[in-house]
Amino acid sequence: MTCEHNYQFQHVVHHSGYMLPGSGAHERVYEDKYYCTKCLSIKHINERVVGNDYSKPIEGTMPK
């Protein structure tokens, strides 16, 4: 049985990306997290890099 997904925005998540050259820091990657209200599958879209993991994540975001 296939689900006719009904994705709803949940929140923005963050994780560490590639290591930055000449530093021990990694990119801070943010994505929008959505879940299906019918089957509860999750998808992440709109990946973007903002800063690095030496700084605090943007307030209100959650770890991936």
PDB file of N, CA and C in Angstrom:
ATOM      1  N   MET A   1       0.840  -1.170   0.000  1.00  0.00           N
ATOM      2  CA  MET A   1       0.000   0.000   0.000  1.00  0.00           C
ATOM      3  C   MET A   1       0.893   1.245   0.000  1.00  0.00           C
ATOM      4  N   THR A   2       0.632   2.158  -0.897  1.00  0.00           N
ATOM      5  CA  THR A   2       1.419   3.382  -0.955  1.00  0.00           C
ATOM      6  C   THR A   2       0.667   4.509  -0.260  1.00  0.00           C
ATOM      7  N   CYS A   3       1.424   5.406   0.294  1.00  0.00           N
ATOM      8  CA  CYS A   3       0.846   6.523   1.032  1.00  0.00           C
ATOM      9  C   CYS A   3       0.743   7.737   0.115  1.00  0.00           C
ATOM     10  N   GLU A   4      -0.371   8.399   0.150  1.00  0.00           N
ATOM     11  CA  GLU A   4      -0.506   9.694  -0.508  1.00  0.00           C
ATOM     12  C   GLU A   4      -0.064  10.726   0.522  1.00  0.00           C
ATOM     13  N   HIS A   5       1.241  10.992   0.540  1.00  0.00           N
ATOM     14  CA  HIS A   5       1.860  11.800   1.590  1.00  0.00           C
ATOM     15  C   HIS A   5       1.205  13.155   1.783  1.00  0.00           C
ATOM     16  N   ASN A   6       1.127  13.521   3.026  1.00  0.00           N
ATOM     17  CA  ASN A   6       0.663  14.846   3.427  1.00  0.00           C
ATOM     18  C   ASN A   6       1.746  15.415   4.345  1.00  0.00           C
ATOM     19  N   TYR A   7       2.815  15.968   3.739  1.00  0.00           N
ATOM     20  CA  TYR A   7       3.953  16.448   4.520  1.00  0.00           C
ATOM     21  C   TYR A   7       3.644  17.779   5.197  1.00  0.00           C
ATOM     22  N   GLN A   8       4.037  17.860   6.461  1.00  0.00           N
ATOM     23  CA  GLN A   8       3.877  19.066   7.264  1.00  0.00           C
ATOM     24  C   GLN A   8       5.254  19.467   7.802  1.00  0.00           C
ATOM     25  N   PHE A   9       5.512  20.768   7.841  1.00  0.00           N
ATOM     26  CA  PHE A   9       6.776  21.269   8.384  1.00  0.00           C
ATOM     27  C   PHE A   9       6.851  20.955   9.866  1.00  0.00           C
ATOM     28  N   GLN A  10       8.006  20.456  10.318  1.00  0.00           N
ATOM     29  CA  GLN A  10       8.198  20.167  11.739  1.00  0.00           C
ATOM     30  C   GLN A  10       9.100  21.225  12.379  1.00  0.00           C
ATOM     31  N   HIS A  11      10.343  21.337  11.917  1.00  0.00           N
ATOM     32  CA  HIS A  11      11.270  22.357  12.408  1.00  0.00           C
ATOM     33  C   HIS A  11      12.541  22.341  11.554  1.00  0.00           C
ATOM     34  N   VAL A  12      13.482  23.222  11.883  1.00  0.00           N
ATOM     35  CA  VAL A  12      14.771  23.269  11.187  1.00  0.00           C
ATOM     36  C   VAL A  12      15.770  22.457  12.005  1.00  0.00           C
ATOM     37  N   VAL A  13      16.548  21.627  11.315  1.00  0.00           N
ATOM     38  CA  VAL A  13      17.560  20.799  11.976  1.00  0.00           C
ATOM     39  C   VAL A  13      18.948  21.222  11.509  1.00  0.00           C
ATOM     40  N   HIS A  14      19.970  20.867  12.293  1.00  0.00           N
ATOM     41  CA  HIS A  14      21.352  21.175  11.924  1.00  0.00           C
ATOM     42  C   HIS A  14      22.233  19.957  12.160  1.00  0.00           C
ATOM     43  N   HIS A  15      23.332  19.907  11.409  1.00  0.00           N
ATOM     44  CA  HIS A  15      24.347  18.877  11.602  1.00  0.00           C
ATOM     45  C   HIS A  15      25.664  19.381  11.047  1.00  0.00           C
ATOM     46  N   SER A  16      26.748  18.674  11.325  1.00  0.00           N
ATOM     47  CA  SER A  16      28.062  19.061  10.835  1.00  0.00           C
ATOM     48  C   SER A  16      28.278  18.506   9.439  1.00  0.00           C
ATOM     49  N   GLY A  17      28.848  19.340   8.581  1.00  0.00           N
ATOM     50  CA  GLY A  17      29.131  18.942   7.206  1.00  0.00           C
ATOM     51  C   GLY A  17      30.609  18.665   7.023  1.00  0.00           C
ATOM     52  N   TYR A  18      31.125  19.067   5.863  1.00  0.00           N
ATOM     53  CA  TYR A  18      32.532  18.839   5.539  1.00  0.00           C
ATOM     54  C   TYR A  18      33.451  19.658   6.431  1.00  0.00           C
ATOM     55  N   MET A  19      34.664  19.129   6.639  1.00  0.00           N
ATOM     56  CA  MET A  19      35.677  19.846   7.401  1.00  0.00           C
ATOM     57  C   MET A  19      36.162  21.036   6.579  1.00  0.00           C
ATOM     58  N   LEU A  20      36.359  22.163   7.225  1.00  0.00           N
ATOM     59  CA  LEU A  20      36.839  23.362   6.551  1.00  0.00           C
ATOM     60  C   LEU A  20      38.366  23.316   6.472  1.00  0.00           C
ATOM     61  N   PRO A  21      38.952  23.597   5.310  1.00  0.00           N
ATOM     62  CA  PRO A  21      40.405  23.530   5.139  1.00  0.00           C
ATOM     63  C   PRO A  21      41.135  24.475   6.097  1.00  0.00           C
ATOM     64  N   GLY A  22      42.245  23.997   6.659  1.00  0.00           N
ATOM     65  CA  GLY A  22      43.068  24.818   7.542  1.00  0.00           C
ATOM     66  C   GLY A  22      42.468  25.025   8.915  1.00  0.00           C
ATOM     67  N   SER A  23      41.483  24.232   9.273  1.00  0.00           N
ATOM     68  CA  SER A  23      40.798  24.413  10.553  1.00  0.00           C
ATOM     69  C   SER A  23      40.286  23.057  11.034  1.00  0.00           C
ATOM     70  N   GLY A  24      39.993  22.975  12.306  1.00  0.00           N
ATOM     71  CA  GLY A  24      39.367  21.767  12.836  1.00  0.00           C
ATOM     72  C   GLY A  24      37.855  21.859  12.794  1.00  0.00           C
ATOM     73  N   ALA A  25      37.350  22.974  12.259  1.00  0.00           N
ATOM     74  CA  ALA A  25      35.901  23.202  12.229  1.00  0.00           C
ATOM     75  C   ALA A  25      35.252  22.467  11.056  1.00  0.00           C
ATOM     76  N   HIS A  26      33.981  22.176  11.210  1.00  0.00           N
ATOM     77  CA  HIS A  26      33.149  21.609  10.148  1.00  0.00           C
ATOM     78  C   HIS A  26      32.058  22.612   9.788  1.00  0.00           C
ATOM     79  N   GLU A  27      31.572  22.527   8.565  1.00  0.00           N
ATOM     80  CA  GLU A  27      30.452  23.370   8.155  1.00  0.00           C
ATOM     81  C   GLU A  27      29.240  23.074   9.040  1.00  0.00           C
ATOM     82  N   ARG A  28      28.434  24.084   9.314  1.00  0.00           N
ATOM     83  CA  ARG A  28      27.160  23.880  10.012  1.00  0.00           C
ATOM     84  C   ARG A  28      26.086  23.853   8.924  1.00  0.00           C
ATOM     85  N   VAL A  29      25.432  22.712   8.762  1.00  0.00           N
ATOM     86  CA  VAL A  29      24.437  22.519   7.713  1.00  0.00           C
ATOM     87  C   VAL A  29      23.043  22.538   8.337  1.00  0.00           C
ATOM     88  N   TYR A  30      22.153  23.313   7.746  1.00  0.00           N
ATOM     89  CA  TYR A  30      20.765  23.408   8.202  1.00  0.00           C
ATOM     90  C   TYR A  30      19.849  22.845   7.133  1.00  0.00           C
ATOM     91  N   GLU A  31      18.757  22.201   7.553  1.00  0.00           N
ATOM     92  CA  GLU A  31      17.757  21.646   6.643  1.00  0.00           C
ATOM     93  C   GLU A  31      16.373  21.817   7.267  1.00  0.00           C
ATOM     94  N   ASP A  32      15.361  21.909   6.421  1.00  0.00           N
ATOM     95  CA  ASP A  32      13.977  21.940   6.882  1.00  0.00           C
ATOM     96  C   ASP A  32      13.478  20.505   6.987  1.00  0.00           C
ATOM     97  N   LYS A  33      12.897  20.152   8.125  1.00  0.00           N
ATOM     98  CA  LYS A  33      12.411  18.786   8.369  1.00  0.00           C
ATOM     99  C   LYS A  33      10.894  18.762   8.234  1.00  0.00           C
ATOM    100  N   TYR A  34      10.411  17.813   7.430  1.00  0.00           N
ATOM    101  CA  TYR A  34       8.973  17.611   7.221  1.00  0.00           C
ATOM    102  C   TYR A  34       8.622  16.166   7.565  1.00  0.00           C
ATOM    103  N   TYR A  35       7.399  15.923   8.018  1.00  0.00           N
ATOM    104  CA  TYR A  35       6.931  14.563   8.281  1.00  0.00           C
ATOM    105  C   TYR A  35       5.551  14.385   7.662  1.00  0.00           C
ATOM    106  N   CYS A  36       5.250  13.148   7.275  1.00  0.00           N
ATOM    107  CA  CYS A  36       3.947  12.823   6.700  1.00  0.00           C
ATOM    108  C   CYS A  36       2.972  12.541   7.838  1.00  0.00           C
ATOM    109  N   THR A  37       1.839  13.215   7.828  1.00  0.00           N
ATOM    110  CA  THR A  37       0.854  13.032   8.900  1.00  0.00           C
ATOM    111  C   THR A  37       0.126  11.693   8.795  1.00  0.00           C
ATOM    112  N   LYS A  38       0.314  10.984   7.675  1.00  0.00           N
ATOM    113  CA  LYS A  38      -0.360   9.690   7.490  1.00  0.00           C
ATOM    114  C   LYS A  38       0.547   8.520   7.844  1.00  0.00           C
ATOM    115  N   CYS A  39       1.758   8.480   7.263  1.00  0.00           N
ATOM    116  CA  CYS A  39       2.643   7.322   7.483  1.00  0.00           C
ATOM    117  C   CYS A  39       3.856   7.654   8.344  1.00  0.00           C
ATOM    118  N   LEU A  40       4.008   8.925   8.734  1.00  0.00           N
ATOM    119  CA  LEU A  40       5.090   9.403   9.590  1.00  0.00           C
ATOM    120  C   LEU A  40       6.482   9.340   8.955  1.00  0.00           C
ATOM    121  N   SER A  41       6.563   9.210   7.627  1.00  0.00           N
ATOM    122  CA  SER A  41       7.875   9.260   6.982  1.00  0.00           C
ATOM    123  C   SER A  41       8.416  10.685   7.100  1.00  0.00           C
ATOM    124  N   ILE A  42       9.730  10.797   7.069  1.00  0.00           N
ATOM    125  CA  ILE A  42      10.395  12.092   7.257  1.00  0.00           C
ATOM    126  C   ILE A  42      11.191  12.427   6.009  1.00  0.00           C
ATOM    127  N   LYS A  43      11.211  13.722   5.653  1.00  0.00           N
ATOM    128  CA  LYS A  43      12.090  14.169   4.571  1.00  0.00           C
ATOM    129  C   LYS A  43      12.731  15.481   4.993  1.00  0.00           C
ATOM    130  N   HIS A  44      13.976  15.670   4.526  1.00  0.00           N
ATOM    131  CA  HIS A  44      14.731  16.892   4.795  1.00  0.00           C
ATOM    132  C   HIS A  44      14.970  17.581   3.457  1.00  0.00           C
ATOM    133  N   ILE A  45      14.661  18.880   3.390  1.00  0.00           N
ATOM    134  CA  ILE A  45      14.865  19.622   2.149  1.00  0.00           C
ATOM    135  C   ILE A  45      15.522  20.969   2.460  1.00  0.00           C
ATOM    136  N   ASN A  46      15.918  21.668   1.401  1.00  0.00           N
ATOM    137  CA  ASN A  46      16.477  23.013   1.500  1.00  0.00           C
ATOM    138  C   ASN A  46      17.764  23.038   2.319  1.00  0.00           C
ATOM    139  N   GLU A  47      18.715  22.155   1.971  1.00  0.00           N
ATOM    140  CA  GLU A  47      19.998  22.112   2.674  1.00  0.00           C
ATOM    141  C   GLU A  47      20.786  23.388   2.400  1.00  0.00           C
ATOM    142  N   ARG A  48      21.352  23.965   3.465  1.00  0.00           N
ATOM    143  CA  ARG A  48      22.156  25.169   3.323  1.00  0.00           C
ATOM    144  C   ARG A  48      23.242  25.192   4.394  1.00  0.00           C
ATOM    145  N   VAL A  49      24.379  25.790   4.062  1.00  0.00           N
ATOM    146  CA  VAL A  49      25.498  25.906   4.994  1.00  0.00           C
ATOM    147  C   VAL A  49      25.510  27.325   5.547  1.00  0.00           C
ATOM    148  N   VAL A  50      25.521  27.419   6.878  1.00  0.00           N
ATOM    149  CA  VAL A  50      25.584  28.716   7.551  1.00  0.00           C
ATOM    150  C   VAL A  50      26.600  28.608   8.676  1.00  0.00           C
ATOM    151  N   GLY A  51      27.776  29.155   8.480  1.00  0.00           N
ATOM    152  CA  GLY A  51      28.793  29.162   9.528  1.00  0.00           C
ATOM    153  C   GLY A  51      29.461  27.814   9.722  1.00  0.00           C
ATOM    154  N   ASN A  52      29.973  27.619  10.953  1.00  0.00           N
ATOM    155  CA  ASN A  52      30.676  26.375  11.270  1.00  0.00           C
ATOM    156  C   ASN A  52      30.318  25.921  12.684  1.00  0.00           C
ATOM    157  N   ASP A  53      30.809  24.743  13.037  1.00  0.00           N
ATOM    158  CA  ASP A  53      30.422  24.174  14.335  1.00  0.00           C
ATOM    159  C   ASP A  53      31.234  24.722  15.513  1.00  0.00           C
ATOM    160  N   TYR A  54      32.060  25.738  15.300  1.00  0.00           N
ATOM    161  CA  TYR A  54      32.724  26.418  16.413  1.00  0.00           C
ATOM    162  C   TYR A  54      31.774  27.423  17.081  1.00  0.00           C
ATOM    163  N   SER A  55      30.718  27.801  16.377  1.00  0.00           N
ATOM    164  CA  SER A  55      29.754  28.736  16.946  1.00  0.00           C
ATOM    165  C   SER A  55      28.476  27.977  17.338  1.00  0.00           C
ATOM    166  N   LYS A  56      27.637  28.628  18.131  1.00  0.00           N
ATOM    167  CA  LYS A  56      26.380  28.006  18.560  1.00  0.00           C
ATOM    168  C   LYS A  56      25.435  27.908  17.358  1.00  0.00           C
ATOM    169  N   PRO A  57      24.601  26.857  17.326  1.00  0.00           N
ATOM    170  CA  PRO A  57      23.598  26.751  16.265  1.00  0.00           C
ATOM    171  C   PRO A  57      22.576  27.879  16.395  1.00  0.00           C
ATOM    172  N   ILE A  58      21.880  28.158  15.316  1.00  0.00           N
ATOM    173  CA  ILE A  58      20.825  29.166  15.330  1.00  0.00           C
ATOM    174  C   ILE A  58      19.771  28.759  16.355  1.00  0.00           C
ATOM    175  N   GLU A  59      19.343  29.714  17.169  1.00  0.00           N
ATOM    176  CA  GLU A  59      18.362  29.448  18.232  1.00  0.00           C
ATOM    177  C   GLU A  59      17.069  28.877  17.639  1.00  0.00           C
ATOM    178  N   GLY A  60      16.546  27.840  18.269  1.00  0.00           N
ATOM    179  CA  GLY A  60      15.297  27.233  17.843  1.00  0.00           C
ATOM    180  C   GLY A  60      15.477  26.047  16.902  1.00  0.00           C
ATOM    181  N   THR A  61      16.728  25.772  16.486  1.00  0.00           N
ATOM    182  CA  THR A  61      16.970  24.610  15.626  1.00  0.00           C
ATOM    183  C   THR A  61      17.286  23.393  16.485  1.00  0.00           C
ATOM    184  N   MET A  62      17.133  22.214  15.896  1.00  0.00           N
ATOM    185  CA  MET A  62      17.339  20.958  16.616  1.00  0.00           C
ATOM    186  C   MET A  62      18.436  20.144  15.921  1.00  0.00           C
ATOM    187  N   PRO A  63      19.191  19.327  16.659  1.00  0.00           N
ATOM    188  CA  PRO A  63      20.163  18.442  16.007  1.00  0.00           C
ATOM    189  C   PRO A  63      19.454  17.440  15.108  1.00  0.00           C
ATOM    190  N   LYS A  64      20.109  17.049  14.037  1.00  0.00           N
ATOM    191  CA  LYS A  64      19.505  16.105  13.092  1.00  0.00           C
ATOM    192  C   LYS A  64      19.617  14.697  13.626  1.00  0.00           C
TER     193      LYS A  64
END
